[in-house]
C-alpha atoms as a PDB file:
ATOM      1  CA  UNK A   1      14.126 -42.447  33.033  1.00  0.00           C
ATOM      2  CA  UNK A   2      15.680 -41.984  29.594  1.00  0.00           C
ATOM      3  CA  UNK A   3      12.341 -42.749  27.984  1.00  0.00           C
ATOM      4  CA  UNK A   4      10.617 -39.972  29.999  1.00  0.00           C
ATOM      5  CA  UNK A   5      13.387 -37.568  29.053  1.00  0.00           C
ATOM      6  CA  UNK A   6      12.991 -38.527  25.394  1.00  0.00           C
ATOM      7  CA  UNK A   7       9.184 -38.009  25.556  1.00  0.00           C
ATOM      8  CA  UNK A   8       9.672 -34.628  27.271  1.00  0.00           C
ATOM      9  CA  UNK A   9      12.111 -33.484  24.574  1.00  0.00           C
ATOM     10  CA  UNK A  10       9.816 -34.765  21.827  1.00  0.00           C
ATOM     11  CA  UNK A  11       6.767 -32.990  23.291  1.00  0.00           C
ATOM     12  CA  UNK A  12       8.758 -29.772  23.707  1.00  0.00           C
ATOM     13  CA  UNK A  13       9.814 -29.962  20.058  1.00  0.00           C
ATOM     14  CA  UNK A  14       6.243 -30.573  18.902  1.00  0.00           C
ATOM     15  CA  UNK A  15       4.930 -27.656  20.953  1.00  0.00           C
ATOM     16  CA  UNK A  16       7.684 -25.438  19.490  1.00  0.00           C
ATOM     17  CA  UNK A  17       6.739 -26.448  15.945  1.00  0.00           C
ATOM     18  CA  UNK A  18       3.073 -25.729  16.666  1.00  0.00           C
ATOM     19  CA  UNK A  19       3.966 -22.267  18.001  1.00  0.00           C
ATOM     20  CA  UNK A  20       6.042 -21.504  14.902  1.00  0.00           C
ATOM     21  CA  UNK A  21       3.148 -22.606  12.666  1.00  0.00           C
ATOM     22  CA  UNK A  22       0.708 -20.406  14.615  1.00  0.00           C
ATOM     23  CA  UNK A  23       3.065 -17.426  14.373  1.00  0.00           C
ATOM     24  CA  UNK A  24       3.310 -17.892  10.600  1.00  0.00           C
ATOM     25  CA  UNK A  25      -0.471 -18.052  10.325  1.00  0.00           C
ATOM     26  CA  UNK A  26      -0.770 -14.894  12.443  1.00  0.00           C
ATOM     27  CA  UNK A  27       1.681 -13.051  10.162  1.00  0.00           C
ATOM     28  CA  UNK A  28      -0.504 -13.967   7.167  1.00  0.00           C
ATOM     29  CA  UNK A  29      -3.541 -12.742   9.080  1.00  0.00           C
ATOM     30  CA  UNK A  30      -1.763  -9.483  10.017  1.00  0.00           C
ATOM     31  CA  UNK A  31      -0.824  -8.708   6.384  1.00  0.00           C
ATOM     32  CA  UNK A  32      -1.363  -5.102   5.354  1.00  0.00           C
ATOM     33  CA  UNK A  33      -5.125  -4.640   4.843  1.00  0.00           C
ATOM     34  CA  UNK A  34      -4.426  -2.482   1.775  1.00  0.00           C
ATOM     35  CA  UNK A  35      -3.020  -5.405  -0.246  1.00  0.00           C
ATOM     36  CA  UNK A  36      -5.189  -6.010  -3.286  1.00  0.00           C
ATOM     37  CA  UNK A  37      -6.681  -4.240  -6.284  1.00  0.00           C
ATOM     38  CA  UNK A  38      -8.539  -0.922  -5.982  1.00  0.00           C
ATOM     39  CA  UNK A  39     -10.692   0.787  -8.632  1.00  0.00           C
ATOM     40  CA  UNK A  40     -11.275   4.557  -8.735  1.00  0.00           C
ATOM     41  CA  UNK A  41     -14.916   5.624  -8.558  1.00  0.00           C
ATOM     42  CA  UNK A  42     -15.475   7.769 -11.626  1.00  0.00           C
ATOM     43  CA  UNK A  43     -18.313   9.272 -13.632  1.00  0.00           C
ATOM     44  CA  UNK A  44     -16.147   9.246 -16.743  1.00  0.00           C
ATOM     45  CA  UNK A  45     -17.332   6.816 -19.433  1.00  0.00           C
ATOM     46  CA  UNK A  46     -15.397   3.717 -20.462  1.00  0.00           C
ATOM     47  CA  UNK A  47     -12.705   3.123 -21.469  1.00  0.00           C
ATOM     48  CA  UNK A  48     -11.424   5.468 -18.699  1.00  0.00           C
ATOM     49  CA  UNK A  49     -10.154   3.509 -15.665  1.00  0.00           C
ATOM     50  CA  UNK A  50      -7.722   4.030 -12.801  1.00  0.00           C
ATOM     51  CA  UNK A  51      -6.576   0.945 -10.891  1.00  0.00           C
ATOM     52  CA  UNK A  52      -4.188   0.778  -7.909  1.00  0.00           C
ATOM     53  CA  UNK A  53      -2.601  -2.547  -7.014  1.00  0.00           C
ATOM     54  CA  UNK A  54      -0.953  -2.951  -3.600  1.00  0.00           C
ATOM     55  CA  UNK A  55       1.270  -5.989  -2.978  1.00  0.00           C
ATOM     56  CA  UNK A  56       3.846  -7.092  -0.383  1.00  0.00           C
ATOM     57  CA  UNK A  57       7.404  -5.866  -0.969  1.00  0.00           C
ATOM     58  CA  UNK A  58      10.620  -6.274   1.001  1.00  0.00           C
ATOM     59  CA  UNK A  59      10.542  -6.763   4.754  1.00  0.00           C
ATOM     60  CA  UNK A  60       7.135  -5.352   5.720  1.00  0.00           C
ATOM     61  CA  UNK A  61       6.863  -2.980   2.788  1.00  0.00           C
ATOM     62  CA  UNK A  62       4.517  -2.598  -0.128  1.00  0.00           C
ATOM     63  CA  UNK A  63       4.723  -2.101  -3.871  1.00  0.00           C
ATOM     64  CA  UNK A  64       2.172   0.176  -5.464  1.00  0.00           C
ATOM     65  CA  UNK A  65       1.269   0.135  -9.146  1.00  0.00           C
ATOM     66  CA  UNK A  66      -1.147   2.611 -10.726  1.00  0.00           C
ATOM     67  CA  UNK A  67      -2.551   1.859 -14.175  1.00  0.00           C
ATOM     68  CA  UNK A  68      -4.648   4.540 -15.854  1.00  0.00           C
ATOM     69  CA  UNK A  69      -6.544   4.028 -19.079  1.00  0.00           C
ATOM     70  CA  UNK A  70      -7.442   7.378 -20.654  1.00  0.00           C
ATOM     71  CA  UNK A  71     -10.565   8.267 -22.627  1.00  0.00           C
ATOM     72  CA  UNK A  72      -8.870   7.113 -25.847  1.00  0.00           C
ATOM     73  CA  UNK A  73      -8.129   3.670 -24.379  1.00  0.00           C
ATOM     74  CA  UNK A  74      -4.364   4.260 -23.913  1.00  0.00           C
ATOM     75  CA  UNK A  75      -2.936   2.878 -20.662  1.00  0.00           C
ATOM     76  CA  UNK A  76      -0.035   4.310 -18.701  1.00  0.00           C
ATOM     77  CA  UNK A  77       1.528   2.602 -15.692  1.00  0.00           C
ATOM     78  CA  UNK A  78       3.762   3.899 -12.917  1.00  0.00           C
ATOM     79  CA  UNK A  79       4.895   2.284  -9.682  1.00  0.00           C
ATOM     80  CA  UNK A  80       6.985   2.591  -6.539  1.00  0.00           C
ATOM     81  CA  UNK A  81       7.926   0.668  -3.406  1.00  0.00           C
ATOM     82  CA  UNK A  82       7.840   1.743   0.227  1.00  0.00           C
ATOM     83  CA  UNK A  83       8.828   0.496   3.659  1.00  0.00           C
ATOM     84  CA  UNK A  84       6.557   3.140   5.296  1.00  0.00           C
ATOM     85  CA  UNK A  85       9.665   4.819   6.707  1.00  0.00           C
ATOM     86  CA  UNK A  86       9.238   8.270   5.147  1.00  0.00           C
ATOM     87  CA  UNK A  87      12.244   7.718   2.851  1.00  0.00           C
ATOM     88  CA  UNK A  88      11.925   9.024  -0.710  1.00  0.00           C
ATOM     89  CA  UNK A  89      12.255   6.315  -3.355  1.00  0.00           C
ATOM     90  CA  UNK A  90      12.127   6.599  -7.167  1.00  0.00           C
ATOM     91  CA  UNK A  91       8.871   6.236  -9.074  1.00  0.00           C
ATOM     92  CA  UNK A  92       9.155   3.983 -12.124  1.00  0.00           C
ATOM     93  CA  UNK A  93       7.301   5.397 -15.110  1.00  0.00           C
ATOM     94  CA  UNK A  94       7.325   9.058 -13.942  1.00  0.00           C
ATOM     95  CA  UNK A  95      10.493  10.924 -14.875  1.00  0.00           C
ATOM     96  CA  UNK A  96      12.371  12.734 -12.055  1.00  0.00           C
ATOM     97  CA  UNK A  97       9.771  11.635  -9.483  1.00  0.00           C
ATOM     98  CA  UNK A  98      10.146  10.241  -5.969  1.00  0.00           C
ATOM     99  CA  UNK A  99       7.635   9.208  -3.330  1.00  0.00           C
ATOM    100  CA  UNK A 100       7.870   8.782   0.457  1.00  0.00           C
ATOM    101  CA  UNK A 101       5.233   7.007   2.554  1.00  0.00           C
ATOM    102  CA  UNK A 102       4.781   6.863   6.318  1.00  0.00           C
ATOM    103  CA  UNK A 103       2.075   5.713   8.687  1.00  0.00           C
ATOM    104  CA  UNK A 104      -0.065   8.350  10.396  1.00  0.00           C
ATOM    105  CA  UNK A 105      -1.950   5.612  12.278  1.00  0.00           C
ATOM    106  CA  UNK A 106      -3.222   2.097  11.558  1.00  0.00           C
ATOM    107  CA  UNK A 107      -5.760   3.377   8.975  1.00  0.00           C
ATOM    108  CA  UNK A 108      -3.912   6.341   7.428  1.00  0.00           C
ATOM    109  CA  UNK A 109      -0.703   6.938   5.541  1.00  0.00           C
ATOM    110  CA  UNK A 110       0.907  10.178   4.370  1.00  0.00           C
ATOM    111  CA  UNK A 111       2.337  10.022   0.845  1.00  0.00           C
ATOM    112  CA  UNK A 112       4.691  12.823  -0.221  1.00  0.00           C
ATOM    113  CA  UNK A 113       5.298  13.203  -3.938  1.00  0.00           C
ATOM    114  CA  UNK A 114       8.380  14.988  -5.233  1.00  0.00           C
ATOM    115  CA  UNK A 115       9.196  15.987  -8.799  1.00  0.00           C
ATOM    116  CA  UNK A 116      12.533  17.493  -9.788  1.00  0.00           C
ATOM    117  CA  UNK A 117      13.491  17.618  -6.099  1.00  0.00           C
ATOM    118  CA  UNK A 118      10.432  19.611  -4.930  1.00  0.00           C
ATOM    119  CA  UNK A 119       7.470  18.226  -2.961  1.00  0.00           C
ATOM    120  CA  UNK A 120       4.411  19.226  -4.969  1.00  0.00           C
ATOM    121  CA  UNK A 121       1.754  17.030  -3.399  1.00  0.00           C
ATOM    122  CA  UNK A 122       0.882  15.280  -0.145  1.00  0.00           C
ATOM    123  CA  UNK A 123      -1.778  12.586  -0.123  1.00  0.00           C
ATOM    124  CA  UNK A 124      -3.566  11.379   2.980  1.00  0.00           C
ATOM    125  CA  UNK A 125      -4.590   7.802   2.196  1.00  0.00           C
ATOM    126  CA  UNK A 126      -7.382   6.634   4.540  1.00  0.00           C
ATOM    127  CA  UNK A 127      -8.601   3.037   4.713  1.00  0.00           C
ATOM    128  CA  UNK A 128     -12.242   2.565   5.782  1.00  0.00           C
ATOM    129  CA  UNK A 129     -13.116   0.576   8.896  1.00  0.00           C
ATOM    130  CA  UNK A 130     -14.478  -2.304   6.788  1.00  0.00           C
ATOM    131  CA  UNK A 131     -11.304  -2.305   4.647  1.00  0.00           C
ATOM    132  CA  UNK A 132     -13.171  -1.959   1.356  1.00  0.00           C
ATOM    133  CA  UNK A 133     -12.695   1.734   0.554  1.00  0.00           C
ATOM    134  CA  UNK A 134      -9.715   4.072   0.331  1.00  0.00           C
ATOM    135  CA  UNK A 135     -10.142   7.851   0.337  1.00  0.00           C
ATOM    136  CA  UNK A 136      -7.187   9.765  -1.064  1.00  0.00           C
ATOM    137  CA  UNK A 137      -7.103  13.456  -0.121  1.00  0.00           C
ATOM    138  CA  UNK A 138      -4.684  15.203  -2.495  1.00  0.00           C
ATOM    139  CA  UNK A 139      -3.115  18.412  -1.191  1.00  0.00           C
ATOM    140  CA  UNK A 140      -1.313  20.196  -4.028  1.00  0.00           C
ATOM    141  CA  UNK A 141       1.371  22.810  -3.314  1.00  0.00           C
ATOM    142  CA  UNK A 142       3.424  25.352  -5.188  1.00  0.00           C
ATOM    143  CA  UNK A 143       7.245  25.517  -5.032  1.00  0.00           C
ATOM    144  CA  UNK A 144       7.064  27.564  -1.804  1.00  0.00           C
ATOM    145  CA  UNK A 145       4.870  24.961  -0.102  1.00  0.00           C
ATOM    146  CA  UNK A 146       1.641  26.984  -0.267  1.00  0.00           C
ATOM    147  CA  UNK A 147      -1.512  24.928  -0.777  1.00  0.00           C
ATOM    148  CA  UNK A 148      -2.969  25.483  -4.238  1.00  0.00           C
ATOM    149  CA  UNK A 149      -5.732  22.874  -4.192  1.00  0.00           C
ATOM    150  CA  UNK A 150      -7.289  19.939  -2.394  1.00  0.00           C
ATOM    151  CA  UNK A 151      -9.239  17.128  -4.052  1.00  0.00           C
ATOM    152  CA  UNK A 152     -10.510  13.698  -3.036  1.00  0.00           C
ATOM    153  CA  UNK A 153     -10.582  10.416  -4.917  1.00  0.00           C
ATOM    154  CA  UNK A 154     -12.389   7.302  -3.700  1.00  0.00           C
ATOM    155  CA  UNK A 155     -11.201   3.795  -4.503  1.00  0.00           C
ATOM    156  CA  UNK A 156     -13.196   0.595  -3.948  1.00  0.00           C
ATOM    157  CA  UNK A 157     -11.627  -2.795  -3.267  1.00  0.00           C
ATOM    158  CA  UNK A 158     -12.065  -5.225  -6.143  1.00  0.00           C
ATOM    159  CA  UNK A 159     -12.981  -8.677  -4.910  1.00  0.00           C
ATOM    160  CA  UNK A 160     -11.008 -11.602  -6.278  1.00  0.00           C
ATOM    161  CA  UNK A 161     -13.005 -13.956  -8.464  1.00  0.00           C
END
């Protein structure tokens, strides 16, 4: 009888470990589909480049780094972190700037950019169905919140080598 009890406890423990392993694998699988490196489509000649890098940050959040190389070959970098909670957080590399990000749905986020305490831009970031393209629609506003311009930028996922 003790042997059967021991086997039952052992099997229960093994099943529990298998479930934990599966859950960990599922979390990896469910990682944010934006993670990776994205290159701006541009007609501008080299050395111009704009690269966004999305990586895991915190508990379910993401860090975003943008590196832009201008036409003279000079690179500037700025970055921020988000938990997709709509909370404004500082932007490293851009003085007096803050950014807030929140989900619109599973394929879209709304990014609000603030400088000197005033929201001057809202970006709708849309991930394609195949996960290999991001369209950023930039809505620029004046200090009173009136729309002054709308532009679009397209980023393509860069495959790891």
